Amino acid sequence: MIIVGLGANLPHPRFGAPRNTLEAAVTALERRGLQVLARSSWYDSPPWPPSLGHQPWYVNGIISVATSAAPDRLLRLLHEVEWAFGRVRAGRWTPRCLDLDLIAYDDRITQGTGRHGSAVLPHPRVAERAFVLAPLSEIAPDWRHPATGATVGEMLRAVDRSGVTPVGDDRKDIAPAGAVR
């Protein structure tokens, strides 16, 4: 299973709100030859790490795709789409109009650098991020981390899910102090 994470917390000048931008990004990925096999709901989530509560909240989701592209080529394609959408890599954990992450590529484990299209698989922080695990549990509840063997459910139970809720869910947790929704 090839898993791609999507996220955004800034409006896009053409597509508007983050959710609209993410929908447009899925379409852009399909136009570039990825076949979307499954997609999760969109989730609201607080900025990561929690100390960045002054940023707008994110909208996140997961898609499963089919492609003949090797992992490094797929990662470059994801970066190309980010660039086409105006993503500027100004630093780690900065606000962004689009973030595309290669979460897993089948059961491969690689030690790439993550920069310039060198894939690190699975994503090194997948087990720490409820905003990845919650939507992943929708489309691949039986997926196991290739290095640890942990299931999505096991990893999800081990992380703080505060604020990670499906878009439109009335049960939202209270935003952290200073967070902007």
Foldseek 3Di string as FASTA:
>chain_A
DWKKKKKAFDAFPPQGGLVSLVVVLVVVVVVVPKAWPDKFFWKWAAQPPPVVQQGAIMIMIMTDTDDPDDQLVVLVVQVVSQVVSPFDCPDPRDHTSMDMDGQADPLDADDFPSPPSTDGPRPPCCLADLSNLVNCCVVCQQDANNPPRDGSVRSNVVYDCQQTGGPPDPPHHDRDPNHHD
